[in-house]
Amino acid sequence: MTLVAWYSVVVGLGMIGMWTVSLLRRQVPELRDEPIRIGFHLAGEFMTAMALLVAGSALLLNAGWATGTSLAAMGMLLYTTVVSPGYFGQKRQWPMVAFFGLLIVLTLASIVWLVFEIT
């Protein structure tokens, strides 16, 4: 369970860090071109990151509600890891697509691990 906890924390912090740096460096042209769409996308990304941080911390603290919260957070992460590589694939940035593929595998493994914990 500790691996799932740390995976959640690391990915949550990574998401916040990546988006913060991209926004500060003005590397998100969609803010100008598609502000409503990217605004909703960013809200979803930051909500996912926060859910991962809360869930991972709860797992590390052995909170009774940690497993259920972690499953919800992993579901959110699975969605974003399936949807996000399309952006990079469109730009032919294949290493990023592969990176998201790795995240999909790790997220699915985390979900399976959590399900076995509650059964």
N, C-alpha and C. Protein backbone atom coordinates (compact mmCIF):
# COMPACT_ATOMS: atom_id res chain seq x y z
N MET A 1 0.83 -1.20 0.00
CA MET A 1 0.00 0.00 0.00
C MET A 1 0.87 1.26 0.00
N THR A 2 2.06 1.14 0.56
CA THR A 2 2.96 2.29 0.62
C THR A 2 3.36 2.75 -0.78
N LEU A 3 3.54 1.80 -1.69
CA LEU A 3 3.90 2.17 -3.07
C LEU A 3 2.78 2.99 -3.72
N VAL A 4 1.56 2.56 -3.51
CA VAL A 4 0.42 3.30 -4.08
C VAL A 4 0.35 4.69 -3.45
N ALA A 5 0.60 4.77 -2.16
CA ALA A 5 0.56 6.07 -1.47
C ALA A 5 1.60 7.02 -2.06
N TRP A 6 2.82 6.53 -2.19
CA TRP A 6 3.88 7.41 -2.72
C TRP A 6 3.68 7.72 -4.20
N TYR A 7 3.15 6.77 -4.95
CA TYR A 7 2.81 7.03 -6.35
C TYR A 7 1.81 8.18 -6.42
N SER A 8 0.80 8.13 -5.58
CA SER A 8 -0.22 9.19 -5.55
C SER A 8 0.40 10.55 -5.24
N VAL A 9 1.23 10.58 -4.22
CA VAL A 9 1.84 11.85 -3.79
C VAL A 9 2.77 12.39 -4.88
N VAL A 10 3.61 11.52 -5.42
CA VAL A 10 4.57 11.97 -6.44
C VAL A 10 3.86 12.47 -7.69
N VAL A 11 2.87 11.72 -8.16
CA VAL A 11 2.14 12.14 -9.36
C VAL A 11 1.35 13.42 -9.09
N GLY A 12 0.72 13.52 -7.94
CA GLY A 12 -0.02 14.75 -7.60
C GLY A 12 0.89 15.96 -7.58
N LEU A 13 2.03 15.84 -6.92
CA LEU A 13 2.98 16.95 -6.90
C LEU A 13 3.53 17.24 -8.30
N GLY A 14 3.77 16.18 -9.07
CA GLY A 14 4.27 16.37 -10.43
C GLY A 14 3.28 17.12 -11.31
N MET A 15 2.01 16.79 -11.16
CA MET A 15 0.98 17.48 -11.95
C MET A 15 0.93 18.96 -11.60
N ILE A 16 0.94 19.25 -10.32
CA ILE A 16 0.90 20.65 -9.88
C ILE A 16 2.15 21.38 -10.37
N GLY A 17 3.29 20.73 -10.22
CA GLY A 17 4.55 21.35 -10.66
C GLY A 17 4.60 21.60 -12.15
N MET A 18 4.19 20.60 -12.94
CA MET A 18 4.23 20.74 -14.40
C MET A 18 3.33 21.89 -14.87
N TRP A 19 2.10 21.92 -14.36
CA TRP A 19 1.18 22.97 -14.78
C TRP A 19 1.61 24.34 -14.28
N THR A 20 2.13 24.41 -13.07
CA THR A 20 2.57 25.69 -12.53
C THR A 20 3.71 26.27 -13.37
N VAL A 21 4.68 25.42 -13.69
CA VAL A 21 5.81 25.87 -14.51
C VAL A 21 5.32 26.28 -15.90
N SER A 22 4.48 25.48 -16.51
CA SER A 22 3.96 25.79 -17.85
C SER A 22 3.19 27.10 -17.85
N LEU A 23 2.39 27.32 -16.83
CA LEU A 23 1.61 28.56 -16.75
C LEU A 23 2.51 29.77 -16.50
N LEU A 24 3.47 29.63 -15.60
CA LEU A 24 4.38 30.74 -15.30
C LEU A 24 5.26 31.10 -16.50
N ARG A 25 5.62 30.11 -17.29
CA ARG A 25 6.44 30.35 -18.48
C ARG A 25 5.60 30.72 -19.70
N ARG A 26 4.30 30.84 -19.48
CA ARG A 26 3.36 31.20 -20.55
C ARG A 26 3.45 30.22 -21.72
N GLN A 27 3.51 28.93 -21.39
CA GLN A 27 3.61 27.87 -22.39
C GLN A 27 2.28 27.18 -22.62
N VAL A 28 1.20 27.87 -22.30
CA VAL A 28 -0.14 27.29 -22.50
C VAL A 28 -0.91 28.23 -23.43
N PRO A 29 -0.68 28.12 -24.76
CA PRO A 29 -1.32 29.04 -25.70
C PRO A 29 -2.84 28.92 -25.70
N GLU A 30 -3.35 27.80 -25.21
CA GLU A 30 -4.80 27.61 -25.16
C GLU A 30 -5.48 28.63 -24.24
N LEU A 31 -4.73 29.22 -23.33
CA LEU A 31 -5.31 30.27 -22.47
C LEU A 31 -5.80 31.43 -23.33
N ARG A 32 -5.12 31.65 -24.43
CA ARG A 32 -5.50 32.73 -25.35
C ARG A 32 -6.51 32.24 -26.39
N ASP A 33 -6.26 31.04 -26.91
CA ASP A 33 -7.06 30.53 -28.03
C ASP A 33 -8.36 29.85 -27.59
N GLU A 34 -8.32 29.13 -26.48
CA GLU A 34 -9.47 28.36 -26.01
C GLU A 34 -9.57 28.48 -24.48
N PRO A 35 -9.78 29.68 -23.98
CA PRO A 35 -9.70 29.87 -22.52
C PRO A 35 -10.74 29.08 -21.71
N ILE A 36 -11.92 28.89 -22.24
CA ILE A 36 -12.94 28.17 -21.49
C ILE A 36 -12.58 26.68 -21.42
N ARG A 37 -12.22 26.10 -22.55
CA ARG A 37 -11.86 24.68 -22.58
C ARG A 37 -10.67 24.39 -21.68
N ILE A 38 -9.61 25.19 -21.81
CA ILE A 38 -8.41 24.94 -21.01
C ILE A 38 -8.67 25.24 -19.53
N GLY A 39 -9.55 26.18 -19.27
CA GLY A 39 -9.91 26.48 -17.88
C GLY A 39 -10.55 25.27 -17.21
N PHE A 40 -11.47 24.63 -17.90
CA PHE A 40 -12.09 23.42 -17.36
C PHE A 40 -11.07 22.29 -17.26
N HIS A 41 -10.21 22.19 -18.26
CA HIS A 41 -9.17 21.16 -18.23
C HIS A 41 -8.24 21.36 -17.03
N LEU A 42 -7.81 22.60 -16.82
CA LEU A 42 -6.93 22.89 -15.68
C LEU A 42 -7.63 22.60 -14.35
N ALA A 43 -8.90 22.93 -14.26
CA ALA A 43 -9.64 22.64 -13.03
C ALA A 43 -9.63 21.14 -12.76
N GLY A 44 -9.88 20.34 -13.80
CA GLY A 44 -9.85 18.90 -13.64
C GLY A 44 -8.47 18.37 -13.26
N GLU A 45 -7.44 18.93 -13.87
CA GLU A 45 -6.07 18.51 -13.56
C GLU A 45 -5.71 18.83 -12.11
N PHE A 46 -6.04 20.05 -11.66
CA PHE A 46 -5.70 20.42 -10.30
C PHE A 46 -6.56 19.67 -9.28
N MET A 47 -7.82 19.39 -9.61
CA MET A 47 -8.65 18.58 -8.72
C MET A 47 -8.10 17.17 -8.61
N THR A 48 -7.64 16.62 -9.72
CA THR A 48 -7.04 15.29 -9.70
C THR A 48 -5.79 15.29 -8.84
N ALA A 49 -4.94 16.28 -9.04
CA ALA A 49 -3.70 16.38 -8.26
C ALA A 49 -4.00 16.48 -6.76
N MET A 50 -4.97 17.30 -6.41
CA MET A 50 -5.30 17.46 -4.99
C MET A 50 -5.89 16.16 -4.43
N ALA A 51 -6.72 15.48 -5.20
CA ALA A 51 -7.28 14.20 -4.76
C ALA A 51 -6.17 13.18 -4.53
N LEU A 52 -5.18 13.16 -5.43
CA LEU A 52 -4.06 12.25 -5.27
C LEU A 52 -3.25 12.56 -4.01
N LEU A 53 -3.03 13.83 -3.74
CA LEU A 53 -2.28 14.22 -2.55
C LEU A 53 -3.03 13.85 -1.27
N VAL A 54 -4.32 14.11 -1.24
CA VAL A 54 -5.13 13.75 -0.06
C VAL A 54 -5.15 12.24 0.11
N ALA A 55 -5.40 11.51 -0.97
CA ALA A 55 -5.49 10.06 -0.89
C ALA A 55 -4.15 9.43 -0.48
N GLY A 56 -3.08 9.89 -1.10
CA GLY A 56 -1.76 9.35 -0.77
C GLY A 56 -1.39 9.62 0.67
N SER A 57 -1.68 10.82 1.14
CA SER A 57 -1.39 11.16 2.53
C SER A 57 -2.24 10.31 3.47
N ALA A 58 -3.50 10.10 3.13
CA ALA A 58 -4.39 9.28 3.96
C ALA A 58 -3.89 7.83 4.02
N LEU A 59 -3.40 7.32 2.89
CA LEU A 59 -2.85 5.96 2.90
C LEU A 59 -1.62 5.88 3.81
N LEU A 60 -0.76 6.88 3.73
CA LEU A 60 0.44 6.89 4.56
C LEU A 60 0.10 6.97 6.04
N LEU A 61 -1.00 7.64 6.36
CA LEU A 61 -1.43 7.79 7.75
C LEU A 61 -2.37 6.66 8.20
N ASN A 62 -2.62 5.69 7.31
CA ASN A 62 -3.52 4.57 7.61
C ASN A 62 -4.92 5.01 8.02
N ALA A 63 -5.42 6.06 7.40
CA ALA A 63 -6.78 6.52 7.68
C ALA A 63 -7.78 5.49 7.19
N GLY A 64 -8.86 5.32 7.90
CA GLY A 64 -9.87 4.33 7.54
C GLY A 64 -10.52 4.58 6.20
N TRP A 65 -10.57 5.81 5.78
CA TRP A 65 -11.22 6.18 4.53
C TRP A 65 -10.24 6.26 3.36
N ALA A 66 -9.00 5.90 3.57
CA ALA A 66 -7.96 6.10 2.57
C ALA A 66 -8.16 5.27 1.30
N THR A 67 -8.56 4.00 1.44
CA THR A 67 -8.66 3.14 0.27
C THR A 67 -9.74 3.62 -0.69
N GLY A 68 -10.90 3.96 -0.16
CA GLY A 68 -11.98 4.46 -1.03
C GLY A 68 -11.61 5.75 -1.72
N THR A 69 -10.99 6.64 -0.96
CA THR A 69 -10.55 7.92 -1.53
C THR A 69 -9.48 7.69 -2.59
N SER A 70 -8.61 6.75 -2.34
CA SER A 70 -7.55 6.44 -3.31
C SER A 70 -8.11 5.87 -4.59
N LEU A 71 -9.13 5.02 -4.47
CA LEU A 71 -9.76 4.48 -5.69
C LEU A 71 -10.38 5.61 -6.51
N ALA A 72 -11.03 6.55 -5.85
CA ALA A 72 -11.62 7.68 -6.57
C ALA A 72 -10.53 8.51 -7.25
N ALA A 73 -9.46 8.80 -6.52
CA ALA A 73 -8.36 9.60 -7.07
C ALA A 73 -7.69 8.88 -8.24
N MET A 74 -7.52 7.56 -8.12
CA MET A 74 -6.91 6.79 -9.21
C MET A 74 -7.82 6.77 -10.43
N GLY A 75 -9.13 6.73 -10.21
CA GLY A 75 -10.06 6.81 -11.33
C GLY A 75 -9.92 8.14 -12.07
N MET A 76 -9.79 9.22 -11.29
CA MET A 76 -9.58 10.54 -11.90
C MET A 76 -8.28 10.55 -12.69
N LEU A 77 -7.23 9.97 -12.09
CA LEU A 77 -5.93 9.94 -12.77
C LEU A 77 -5.98 9.09 -14.03
N LEU A 78 -6.67 7.96 -13.96
CA LEU A 78 -6.78 7.11 -15.14
C LEU A 78 -7.41 7.88 -16.30
N TYR A 79 -8.48 8.61 -16.00
CA TYR A 79 -9.12 9.39 -17.05
C TYR A 79 -8.13 10.39 -17.68
N THR A 80 -7.43 11.14 -16.85
CA THR A 80 -6.55 12.16 -17.40
C THR A 80 -5.36 11.55 -18.14
N THR A 81 -4.89 10.36 -17.70
CA THR A 81 -3.77 9.74 -18.40
C THR A 81 -4.19 9.13 -19.73
N VAL A 82 -5.47 8.83 -19.88
CA VAL A 82 -5.97 8.32 -21.16
C VAL A 82 -6.22 9.47 -22.14
N VAL A 83 -6.72 10.59 -21.63
CA VAL A 83 -7.09 11.73 -22.48
C VAL A 83 -5.88 12.59 -22.87
N SER A 84 -4.98 12.82 -21.93
CA SER A 84 -3.87 13.76 -22.14
C SER A 84 -2.90 13.41 -23.25
N PRO A 85 -2.57 12.15 -23.50
CA PRO A 85 -1.58 11.88 -24.54
C PRO A 85 -2.03 12.28 -25.94
N GLY A 86 -3.32 12.47 -26.14
CA GLY A 86 -3.79 12.90 -27.45
C GLY A 86 -3.19 14.23 -27.87
N TYR A 87 -3.03 15.12 -26.91
CA TYR A 87 -2.43 16.43 -27.18
C TYR A 87 -1.00 16.24 -27.71
N PHE A 88 -0.24 15.39 -27.04
CA PHE A 88 1.15 15.18 -27.44
C PHE A 88 1.26 14.34 -28.71
N GLY A 89 0.34 13.40 -28.89
CA GLY A 89 0.33 12.61 -30.12
C GLY A 89 0.06 13.48 -31.32
N GLN A 90 -0.85 14.45 -31.17
CA GLN A 90 -1.17 15.38 -32.25
C GLN A 90 0.07 16.17 -32.67
N LYS A 91 0.94 16.44 -31.70
CA LYS A 91 2.17 17.20 -31.97
C LYS A 91 3.35 16.27 -32.29
N ARG A 92 3.05 14.97 -32.38
CA ARG A 92 4.07 13.96 -32.68
C ARG A 92 5.19 13.94 -31.64
N GLN A 93 4.84 14.16 -30.40
CA GLN A 93 5.80 14.10 -29.30
C GLN A 93 5.68 12.72 -28.65
N TRP A 94 6.23 11.72 -29.33
CA TRP A 94 6.04 10.32 -28.95
C TRP A 94 6.62 9.95 -27.60
N PRO A 95 7.74 10.53 -27.16
CA PRO A 95 8.21 10.20 -25.81
C PRO A 95 7.18 10.56 -24.73
N MET A 96 6.46 11.66 -24.91
CA MET A 96 5.43 12.02 -23.94
C MET A 96 4.25 11.06 -24.01
N VAL A 97 3.90 10.61 -25.21
CA VAL A 97 2.83 9.62 -25.35
C VAL A 97 3.23 8.34 -24.62
N ALA A 98 4.48 7.92 -24.79
CA ALA A 98 4.98 6.73 -24.10
C ALA A 98 4.97 6.92 -22.58
N PHE A 99 5.33 8.11 -22.13
CA PHE A 99 5.31 8.41 -20.70
C PHE A 99 3.90 8.25 -20.14
N PHE A 100 2.91 8.75 -20.86
CA PHE A 100 1.53 8.59 -20.41
C PHE A 100 1.11 7.12 -20.44
N GLY A 101 1.63 6.37 -21.41
CA GLY A 101 1.36 4.94 -21.44
C GLY A 101 1.87 4.26 -20.17
N LEU A 102 3.06 4.64 -19.74
CA LEU A 102 3.62 4.11 -18.49
C LEU A 102 2.73 4.50 -17.30
N LEU A 103 2.28 5.76 -17.28
CA LEU A 103 1.39 6.19 -16.20
C LEU A 103 0.08 5.41 -16.19
N ILE A 104 -0.44 5.08 -17.37
CA ILE A 104 -1.67 4.28 -17.44
C ILE A 104 -1.43 2.91 -16.81
N VAL A 105 -0.32 2.28 -17.15
CA VAL A 105 0.00 0.95 -16.59
C VAL A 105 0.14 1.04 -15.07
N LEU A 106 0.88 2.02 -14.58
CA LEU A 106 1.09 2.18 -13.14
C LEU A 106 -0.21 2.50 -12.42
N THR A 107 -1.07 3.29 -13.04
CA THR A 107 -2.35 3.64 -12.43
C THR A 107 -3.26 2.43 -12.37
N LEU A 108 -3.32 1.65 -13.45
CA LEU A 108 -4.13 0.43 -13.44
C LEU A 108 -3.61 -0.55 -12.39
N ALA A 109 -2.30 -0.69 -12.27
CA ALA A 109 -1.73 -1.57 -11.25
C ALA A 109 -2.11 -1.08 -9.85
N SER A 110 -2.11 0.24 -9.65
CA SER A 110 -2.50 0.80 -8.35
C SER A 110 -3.96 0.51 -8.05
N ILE A 111 -4.81 0.62 -9.06
CA ILE A 111 -6.24 0.34 -8.86
C ILE A 111 -6.43 -1.13 -8.48
N VAL A 112 -5.77 -2.03 -9.19
CA VAL A 112 -5.87 -3.46 -8.87
C VAL A 112 -5.40 -3.71 -7.44
N TRP A 113 -4.29 -3.11 -7.06
CA TRP A 113 -3.74 -3.27 -5.72
C TRP A 113 -4.77 -2.81 -4.67
N LEU A 114 -5.37 -1.65 -4.90
CA LEU A 114 -6.36 -1.12 -3.96
C LEU A 114 -7.60 -2.01 -3.88
N VAL A 115 -8.05 -2.52 -5.01
CA VAL A 115 -9.23 -3.39 -5.02
C VAL A 115 -8.94 -4.66 -4.21
N PHE A 116 -7.75 -5.22 -4.36
CA PHE A 116 -7.40 -6.41 -3.58
C PHE A 116 -7.33 -6.09 -2.09
N GLU A 117 -7.03 -4.87 -1.74
CA GLU A 117 -6.98 -4.48 -0.33
C GLU A 117 -8.37 -4.48 0.31
N ILE A 118 -9.38 -4.19 -0.48
CA ILE A 118 -10.74 -4.09 0.10
C ILE A 118 -11.54 -5.38 -0.06
N THR A 119 -10.96 -6.37 -0.77
CA THR A 119 -11.71 -7.62 -0.93
C THR A 119 -11.20 -8.68 0.01
